[in-house]
Amino acid sequence: MAGHYNTPLDDPIESIYPFNVLRDNALVVDIGGGKGHHSIRLAEKYEMMSFIVQDQTSVVETVQTENLPQSVAGRIEWQAHDLHSPQPVQGADVYILSHIMMDNQPGCVKKIDPRYLGAIINACFLLAVPAQIYSDMPQTQ
């Protein structure tokens, strides 16, 4: 994980996934999204989409006190949630899981509640894993 923070910034998530093909009123859920960097940037670019940034309670409490750019106010909300409980947002168009894969140990990710995944299985599911994780993983035969 430390290597991720010591390397140049990853490509923006919109260069990995074509958000422009989503319907105008699409709902995007950024799971483990922290301060909402992905969602804020996407909301500025796609004015008709709305976003929910999910993270641990301690993260959500601090972020909600920060000022959002006026251009995205009202279209981004934060929700306290953990990966070991069922996903409360059903039917979103995209679920972004980029940060949970690099911020959690592999054993923790394996313990994600299967009911959690059930909520996102029919969505346009996005799993963005930084290349640094692959170089840190043991190679299998």
N, C-alpha and C. Protein backbone atom coordinates (compact mmCIF):
# COMPACT_ATOMS: atom_id res chain seq x y z
N MET A 1 0.81 -1.20 0.00
CA MET A 1 0.00 0.00 0.00
C MET A 1 0.85 1.26 0.00
N ALA A 2 1.91 1.25 0.74
CA ALA A 2 2.72 2.46 0.82
C ALA A 2 3.22 2.86 -0.55
N GLY A 3 3.49 1.88 -1.40
CA GLY A 3 3.97 2.18 -2.74
C GLY A 3 2.99 3.00 -3.54
N HIS A 4 1.72 2.77 -3.33
CA HIS A 4 0.70 3.52 -4.06
C HIS A 4 0.81 5.01 -3.78
N TYR A 5 1.08 5.35 -2.56
CA TYR A 5 1.14 6.75 -2.19
C TYR A 5 2.47 7.40 -2.57
N ASN A 6 3.45 6.60 -2.94
CA ASN A 6 4.76 7.14 -3.30
C ASN A 6 4.99 7.14 -4.81
N THR A 7 3.93 6.90 -5.58
CA THR A 7 4.04 6.88 -7.03
C THR A 7 3.20 8.00 -7.61
N PRO A 8 3.41 8.31 -8.91
CA PRO A 8 2.57 9.34 -9.53
C PRO A 8 1.09 8.97 -9.40
N LEU A 9 0.24 9.96 -9.46
CA LEU A 9 -1.19 9.73 -9.34
C LEU A 9 -1.67 8.76 -10.41
N ASP A 10 -2.63 7.93 -10.04
CA ASP A 10 -3.25 7.03 -11.00
C ASP A 10 -4.02 7.83 -12.04
N ASP A 11 -4.27 7.20 -13.18
CA ASP A 11 -5.12 7.84 -14.18
C ASP A 11 -6.48 8.11 -13.57
N PRO A 12 -7.14 9.18 -13.99
CA PRO A 12 -8.48 9.44 -13.48
C PRO A 12 -9.40 8.27 -13.82
N ILE A 13 -10.32 7.98 -12.94
CA ILE A 13 -11.18 6.83 -13.13
C ILE A 13 -12.02 6.94 -14.40
N GLU A 14 -12.31 8.17 -14.83
CA GLU A 14 -13.08 8.34 -16.06
C GLU A 14 -12.29 7.97 -17.31
N SER A 15 -10.97 7.79 -17.19
CA SER A 15 -10.19 7.31 -18.33
C SER A 15 -10.24 5.78 -18.41
N ILE A 16 -10.73 5.14 -17.35
CA ILE A 16 -10.85 3.69 -17.30
C ILE A 16 -12.25 3.24 -17.68
N TYR A 17 -13.24 4.03 -17.33
CA TYR A 17 -14.64 3.66 -17.55
C TYR A 17 -15.36 4.80 -18.28
N PRO A 18 -16.21 4.48 -19.27
CA PRO A 18 -16.89 5.53 -20.05
C PRO A 18 -18.15 6.07 -19.36
N PHE A 19 -17.97 6.93 -18.38
CA PHE A 19 -19.11 7.49 -17.66
C PHE A 19 -20.04 8.26 -18.58
N ASN A 20 -19.53 8.74 -19.70
CA ASN A 20 -20.36 9.51 -20.63
C ASN A 20 -21.47 8.68 -21.27
N VAL A 21 -21.42 7.36 -21.20
CA VAL A 21 -22.47 6.53 -21.79
C VAL A 21 -23.63 6.29 -20.82
N LEU A 22 -23.48 6.70 -19.57
CA LEU A 22 -24.55 6.51 -18.59
C LEU A 22 -25.70 7.48 -18.86
N ARG A 23 -26.88 7.10 -18.42
CA ARG A 23 -28.04 7.99 -18.57
C ARG A 23 -27.82 9.27 -17.78
N ASP A 24 -28.53 10.31 -18.13
CA ASP A 24 -28.33 11.62 -17.51
C ASP A 24 -28.52 11.62 -16.00
N ASN A 25 -29.51 10.92 -15.50
CA ASN A 25 -29.77 10.94 -14.06
C ASN A 25 -29.18 9.72 -13.35
N ALA A 26 -28.06 9.24 -13.84
CA ALA A 26 -27.42 8.06 -13.27
C ALA A 26 -26.99 8.30 -11.82
N LEU A 27 -27.02 7.22 -11.04
CA LEU A 27 -26.55 7.24 -9.66
C LEU A 27 -25.26 6.45 -9.57
N VAL A 28 -24.22 7.07 -9.04
CA VAL A 28 -22.92 6.44 -8.87
C VAL A 28 -22.63 6.35 -7.38
N VAL A 29 -22.26 5.14 -6.91
CA VAL A 29 -21.90 4.93 -5.52
C VAL A 29 -20.40 4.66 -5.46
N ASP A 30 -19.68 5.48 -4.72
CA ASP A 30 -18.23 5.33 -4.56
C ASP A 30 -17.98 4.70 -3.20
N ILE A 31 -17.76 3.40 -3.21
CA ILE A 31 -17.61 2.62 -1.98
C ILE A 31 -16.19 2.80 -1.45
N GLY A 32 -16.09 3.22 -0.19
CA GLY A 32 -14.79 3.51 0.39
C GLY A 32 -14.18 4.75 -0.24
N GLY A 33 -15.03 5.69 -0.64
CA GLY A 33 -14.61 6.85 -1.42
C GLY A 33 -13.97 7.99 -0.66
N GLY A 34 -13.80 7.86 0.66
CA GLY A 34 -13.09 8.87 1.44
C GLY A 34 -13.67 10.26 1.30
N LYS A 35 -12.84 11.18 0.87
CA LYS A 35 -13.26 12.58 0.74
C LYS A 35 -14.03 12.85 -0.55
N GLY A 36 -14.22 11.82 -1.35
CA GLY A 36 -15.06 11.97 -2.54
C GLY A 36 -14.37 12.56 -3.75
N HIS A 37 -13.06 12.40 -3.84
CA HIS A 37 -12.33 13.00 -4.97
C HIS A 37 -12.87 12.54 -6.32
N HIS A 38 -13.11 11.22 -6.47
CA HIS A 38 -13.67 10.72 -7.73
C HIS A 38 -15.02 11.37 -7.99
N SER A 39 -15.88 11.33 -6.99
CA SER A 39 -17.25 11.82 -7.18
C SER A 39 -17.30 13.32 -7.45
N ILE A 40 -16.49 14.09 -6.77
CA ILE A 40 -16.47 15.54 -7.00
C ILE A 40 -16.03 15.84 -8.43
N ARG A 41 -14.95 15.19 -8.85
CA ARG A 41 -14.44 15.42 -10.21
C ARG A 41 -15.48 14.99 -11.26
N LEU A 42 -16.10 13.82 -11.05
CA LEU A 42 -17.10 13.34 -12.00
C LEU A 42 -18.34 14.24 -12.00
N ALA A 43 -18.76 14.69 -10.82
CA ALA A 43 -19.94 15.56 -10.73
C ALA A 43 -19.72 16.88 -11.45
N GLU A 44 -18.50 17.38 -11.41
CA GLU A 44 -18.19 18.62 -12.13
C GLU A 44 -18.27 18.42 -13.65
N LYS A 45 -17.96 17.21 -14.09
CA LYS A 45 -17.95 16.92 -15.52
C LYS A 45 -19.33 16.48 -16.04
N TYR A 46 -20.07 15.73 -15.22
CA TYR A 46 -21.37 15.18 -15.62
C TYR A 46 -22.45 15.78 -14.72
N GLU A 47 -23.01 16.87 -15.16
CA GLU A 47 -23.89 17.69 -14.32
C GLU A 47 -25.23 17.04 -13.99
N MET A 48 -25.65 16.02 -14.70
CA MET A 48 -26.95 15.41 -14.45
C MET A 48 -26.85 14.16 -13.56
N MET A 49 -25.67 13.74 -13.19
CA MET A 49 -25.50 12.55 -12.36
C MET A 49 -25.47 12.92 -10.89
N SER A 50 -25.85 11.94 -10.05
CA SER A 50 -25.74 12.13 -8.60
C SER A 50 -24.83 11.04 -8.03
N PHE A 51 -24.30 11.32 -6.84
CA PHE A 51 -23.25 10.47 -6.27
C PHE A 51 -23.48 10.25 -4.79
N ILE A 52 -23.17 9.04 -4.34
CA ILE A 52 -23.14 8.72 -2.92
C ILE A 52 -21.75 8.19 -2.63
N VAL A 53 -21.07 8.82 -1.69
CA VAL A 53 -19.74 8.39 -1.28
C VAL A 53 -19.90 7.66 0.04
N GLN A 54 -19.53 6.39 0.06
CA GLN A 54 -19.64 5.59 1.28
C GLN A 54 -18.26 5.39 1.89
N ASP A 55 -18.20 5.49 3.21
CA ASP A 55 -16.96 5.20 3.92
C ASP A 55 -17.28 4.98 5.39
N GLN A 56 -16.24 4.73 6.17
CA GLN A 56 -16.41 4.51 7.60
C GLN A 56 -16.97 5.77 8.26
N THR A 57 -17.66 5.58 9.37
CA THR A 57 -18.28 6.69 10.08
C THR A 57 -17.29 7.80 10.39
N SER A 58 -16.10 7.45 10.86
CA SER A 58 -15.11 8.48 11.22
C SER A 58 -14.72 9.34 10.02
N VAL A 59 -14.66 8.76 8.85
CA VAL A 59 -14.32 9.50 7.63
C VAL A 59 -15.49 10.39 7.22
N VAL A 60 -16.68 9.83 7.21
CA VAL A 60 -17.87 10.57 6.78
C VAL A 60 -18.13 11.77 7.67
N GLU A 61 -17.95 11.62 8.97
CA GLU A 61 -18.20 12.73 9.90
C GLU A 61 -17.29 13.92 9.62
N THR A 62 -16.04 13.68 9.29
CA THR A 62 -15.12 14.79 9.03
C THR A 62 -15.35 15.41 7.66
N VAL A 63 -15.67 14.60 6.67
CA VAL A 63 -15.86 15.10 5.32
C VAL A 63 -17.11 15.97 5.22
N GLN A 64 -18.16 15.59 5.91
CA GLN A 64 -19.42 16.33 5.80
C GLN A 64 -19.29 17.77 6.30
N THR A 65 -18.26 18.06 7.06
CA THR A 65 -18.08 19.43 7.54
C THR A 65 -17.29 20.29 6.55
N GLU A 66 -16.73 19.67 5.53
CA GLU A 66 -15.96 20.40 4.53
C GLU A 66 -16.90 21.00 3.48
N ASN A 67 -16.47 22.08 2.88
CA ASN A 67 -17.28 22.74 1.85
C ASN A 67 -17.07 22.08 0.50
N LEU A 68 -18.18 21.81 -0.16
CA LEU A 68 -18.13 21.29 -1.52
C LEU A 68 -18.17 22.45 -2.50
N PRO A 69 -17.59 22.26 -3.68
CA PRO A 69 -17.75 23.30 -4.70
C PRO A 69 -19.24 23.53 -4.98
N GLN A 70 -19.63 24.76 -5.17
CA GLN A 70 -21.03 25.11 -5.42
C GLN A 70 -21.60 24.33 -6.61
N SER A 71 -20.76 24.06 -7.60
CA SER A 71 -21.22 23.39 -8.82
C SER A 71 -21.70 21.96 -8.58
N VAL A 72 -21.31 21.34 -7.47
CA VAL A 72 -21.72 19.96 -7.20
C VAL A 72 -22.59 19.82 -5.95
N ALA A 73 -22.79 20.90 -5.23
CA ALA A 73 -23.60 20.85 -4.01
C ALA A 73 -24.99 20.32 -4.33
N GLY A 74 -25.48 19.43 -3.51
CA GLY A 74 -26.80 18.85 -3.72
C GLY A 74 -26.80 17.60 -4.57
N ARG A 75 -25.68 17.28 -5.20
CA ARG A 75 -25.61 16.07 -6.03
C ARG A 75 -24.66 15.03 -5.47
N ILE A 76 -23.96 15.37 -4.39
CA ILE A 76 -23.06 14.42 -3.73
C ILE A 76 -23.47 14.34 -2.27
N GLU A 77 -23.64 13.12 -1.80
CA GLU A 77 -23.90 12.92 -0.38
C GLU A 77 -22.97 11.85 0.16
N TRP A 78 -22.71 11.90 1.45
CA TRP A 78 -21.87 10.91 2.11
C TRP A 78 -22.74 10.02 2.95
N GLN A 79 -22.34 8.75 3.02
CA GLN A 79 -23.10 7.76 3.77
C GLN A 79 -22.12 6.89 4.54
N ALA A 80 -22.32 6.80 5.85
CA ALA A 80 -21.49 5.92 6.67
C ALA A 80 -21.90 4.48 6.38
N HIS A 81 -20.91 3.65 6.05
CA HIS A 81 -21.20 2.25 5.76
C HIS A 81 -19.91 1.44 5.79
N ASP A 82 -20.02 0.18 6.17
CA ASP A 82 -18.85 -0.71 6.14
C ASP A 82 -19.14 -1.89 5.21
N LEU A 83 -18.09 -2.54 4.80
CA LEU A 83 -18.19 -3.61 3.82
C LEU A 83 -18.76 -4.91 4.37
N HIS A 84 -18.92 -4.98 5.67
CA HIS A 84 -19.34 -6.23 6.29
C HIS A 84 -20.83 -6.23 6.60
N SER A 85 -21.54 -5.27 6.05
CA SER A 85 -23.00 -5.17 6.19
C SER A 85 -23.59 -5.13 4.78
N PRO A 86 -24.86 -5.51 4.64
CA PRO A 86 -25.47 -5.45 3.31
C PRO A 86 -25.41 -4.04 2.72
N GLN A 87 -25.24 -3.97 1.43
CA GLN A 87 -25.17 -2.68 0.72
C GLN A 87 -26.54 -2.00 0.80
N PRO A 88 -26.62 -0.80 1.38
CA PRO A 88 -27.91 -0.14 1.53
C PRO A 88 -28.44 0.52 0.25
N VAL A 89 -27.58 0.77 -0.71
CA VAL A 89 -28.01 1.43 -1.94
C VAL A 89 -28.22 0.36 -3.02
N GLN A 90 -29.46 0.15 -3.35
CA GLN A 90 -29.81 -0.84 -4.37
C GLN A 90 -30.06 -0.13 -5.70
N GLY A 91 -29.65 -0.74 -6.78
CA GLY A 91 -30.01 -0.25 -8.10
C GLY A 91 -29.23 0.94 -8.64
N ALA A 92 -28.06 1.22 -8.09
CA ALA A 92 -27.24 2.30 -8.66
C ALA A 92 -26.75 1.86 -10.04
N ASP A 93 -26.38 2.82 -10.84
CA ASP A 93 -25.88 2.51 -12.18
C ASP A 93 -24.43 2.02 -12.14
N VAL A 94 -23.63 2.60 -11.26
CA VAL A 94 -22.23 2.21 -11.13
C VAL A 94 -21.86 2.20 -9.66
N TYR A 95 -21.09 1.19 -9.27
CA TYR A 95 -20.49 1.11 -7.95
C TYR A 95 -18.98 1.14 -8.15
N ILE A 96 -18.32 2.13 -7.60
CA ILE A 96 -16.87 2.25 -7.72
C ILE A 96 -16.23 1.65 -6.48
N LEU A 97 -15.32 0.71 -6.68
CA LEU A 97 -14.63 0.05 -5.58
C LEU A 97 -13.12 0.23 -5.69
N SER A 98 -12.66 1.38 -6.06
CA SER A 98 -11.23 1.54 -6.29
C SER A 98 -10.42 1.60 -5.01
N HIS A 99 -10.90 2.31 -4.01
CA HIS A 99 -10.09 2.49 -2.80
C HIS A 99 -10.14 1.30 -1.85
N ILE A 100 -11.23 0.55 -1.85
CA ILE A 100 -11.30 -0.55 -0.88
C ILE A 100 -10.27 -1.63 -1.18
N MET A 101 -9.91 -1.79 -2.43
CA MET A 101 -8.94 -2.82 -2.78
C MET A 101 -7.53 -2.46 -2.36
N MET A 102 -7.20 -1.17 -2.31
CA MET A 102 -5.84 -0.81 -1.92
C MET A 102 -5.74 -0.45 -0.45
N ASP A 103 -6.86 -0.12 0.19
CA ASP A 103 -6.82 0.29 1.59
C ASP A 103 -7.05 -0.85 2.56
N ASN A 104 -7.43 -2.02 2.07
CA ASN A 104 -7.72 -3.16 2.94
C ASN A 104 -6.81 -4.32 2.60
N GLN A 105 -6.46 -5.07 3.62
CA GLN A 105 -5.66 -6.27 3.42
C GLN A 105 -6.50 -7.30 2.67
N PRO A 106 -5.88 -8.19 1.89
CA PRO A 106 -6.65 -9.18 1.13
C PRO A 106 -7.60 -10.00 2.00
N GLY A 107 -7.20 -10.36 3.20
CA GLY A 107 -8.08 -11.12 4.09
C GLY A 107 -9.34 -10.36 4.44
N CYS A 108 -9.23 -9.06 4.59
CA CYS A 108 -10.39 -8.22 4.90
C CYS A 108 -11.34 -8.16 3.72
N VAL A 109 -10.80 -8.03 2.53
CA VAL A 109 -11.63 -7.95 1.34
C VAL A 109 -12.38 -9.26 1.13
N LYS A 110 -11.75 -10.39 1.45
CA LYS A 110 -12.41 -11.69 1.31
C LYS A 110 -13.61 -11.82 2.24
N LYS A 111 -13.66 -11.03 3.30
CA LYS A 111 -14.74 -11.12 4.27
C LYS A 111 -15.92 -10.21 3.95
N ILE A 112 -15.93 -9.61 2.77
CA ILE A 112 -17.06 -8.76 2.38
C ILE A 112 -18.32 -9.60 2.40
N ASP A 113 -19.36 -9.08 3.02
CA ASP A 113 -20.63 -9.78 3.14
C ASP A 113 -21.20 -10.08 1.74
N PRO A 114 -21.52 -11.36 1.47
CA PRO A 114 -22.07 -11.70 0.15
C PRO A 114 -23.34 -10.92 -0.19
N ARG A 115 -24.13 -10.57 0.83
CA ARG A 115 -25.34 -9.77 0.58
C ARG A 115 -24.96 -8.39 0.06
N TYR A 116 -23.79 -7.93 0.43
CA TYR A 116 -23.28 -6.65 -0.04
C TYR A 116 -23.10 -6.70 -1.55
N LEU A 117 -22.49 -7.76 -2.00
CA LEU A 117 -22.24 -7.91 -3.43
C LEU A 117 -23.53 -8.14 -4.20
N GLY A 118 -24.53 -8.74 -3.56
CA GLY A 118 -25.81 -8.98 -4.22
C GLY A 118 -26.47 -7.71 -4.69
N ALA A 119 -26.28 -6.63 -3.98
CA ALA A 119 -26.90 -5.36 -4.36
C ALA A 119 -26.29 -4.79 -5.62
N ILE A 120 -25.04 -5.13 -5.88
CA ILE A 120 -24.36 -4.50 -7.01
C ILE A 120 -24.17 -5.43 -8.20
N ILE A 121 -24.60 -6.66 -8.08
CA ILE A 121 -24.33 -7.63 -9.14
C ILE A 121 -25.03 -7.28 -10.46
N ASN A 122 -26.19 -6.64 -10.41
CA ASN A 122 -26.91 -6.31 -11.63
C ASN A 122 -26.61 -4.91 -12.15
N ALA A 123 -25.74 -4.22 -11.48
CA ALA A 123 -25.40 -2.85 -11.88
C ALA A 123 -24.29 -2.88 -12.92
N CYS A 124 -23.99 -1.73 -13.40
CA CYS A 124 -22.82 -1.56 -14.25
C CYS A 124 -21.65 -1.49 -13.28
N PHE A 125 -21.09 -2.61 -12.93
CA PHE A 125 -20.15 -2.77 -11.82
C PHE A 125 -18.75 -2.39 -12.24
N LEU A 126 -18.10 -1.56 -11.46
CA LEU A 126 -16.75 -1.12 -11.78
C LEU A 126 -15.82 -1.49 -10.64
N LEU A 127 -14.77 -2.19 -10.95
CA LEU A 127 -13.76 -2.53 -9.96
C LEU A 127 -12.43 -2.03 -10.50
N ALA A 128 -11.93 -0.97 -9.92
CA ALA A 128 -10.68 -0.38 -10.38
C ALA A 128 -9.58 -0.73 -9.40
N VAL A 129 -8.63 -1.54 -9.82
CA VAL A 129 -7.54 -1.96 -8.95
C VAL A 129 -6.24 -1.34 -9.47
N PRO A 130 -5.58 -0.50 -8.68
CA PRO A 130 -4.33 0.10 -9.11
C PRO A 130 -3.27 -0.96 -9.42
N ALA A 131 -2.46 -0.71 -10.42
CA ALA A 131 -1.42 -1.65 -10.83
C ALA A 131 -0.47 -1.97 -9.69
N GLN A 132 -0.25 -1.05 -8.78
CA GLN A 132 0.68 -1.26 -7.66
C GLN A 132 0.28 -2.48 -6.84
N ILE A 133 -1.00 -2.75 -6.72
CA ILE A 133 -1.46 -3.90 -5.94
C ILE A 133 -0.95 -5.19 -6.56
N TYR A 134 -1.02 -5.29 -7.89
CA TYR A 134 -0.56 -6.50 -8.55
C TYR A 134 0.93 -6.73 -8.32
N SER A 135 1.72 -5.69 -8.32
CA SER A 135 3.15 -5.88 -8.12
C SER A 135 3.48 -6.25 -6.68
N ASP A 136 2.57 -5.94 -5.73
CA ASP A 136 2.79 -6.29 -4.33
C ASP A 136 2.28 -7.69 -3.98
N MET A 137 1.48 -8.29 -4.88
CA MET A 137 0.88 -9.58 -4.58
C MET A 137 1.86 -10.70 -4.88
N PRO A 138 1.82 -11.78 -4.07
CA PRO A 138 2.68 -12.93 -4.37
C PRO A 138 2.23 -13.58 -5.67
N GLN A 139 3.17 -14.03 -6.45
CA GLN A 139 2.86 -14.67 -7.72
C GLN A 139 2.45 -16.11 -7.48
N THR A 140 1.45 -16.59 -8.24
CA THR A 140 1.01 -17.97 -8.12
C THR A 140 1.44 -18.73 -9.36
N GLN A 141 1.57 -20.01 -9.21
CA GLN A 141 1.99 -20.86 -10.33
C GLN A 141 0.81 -21.34 -11.11
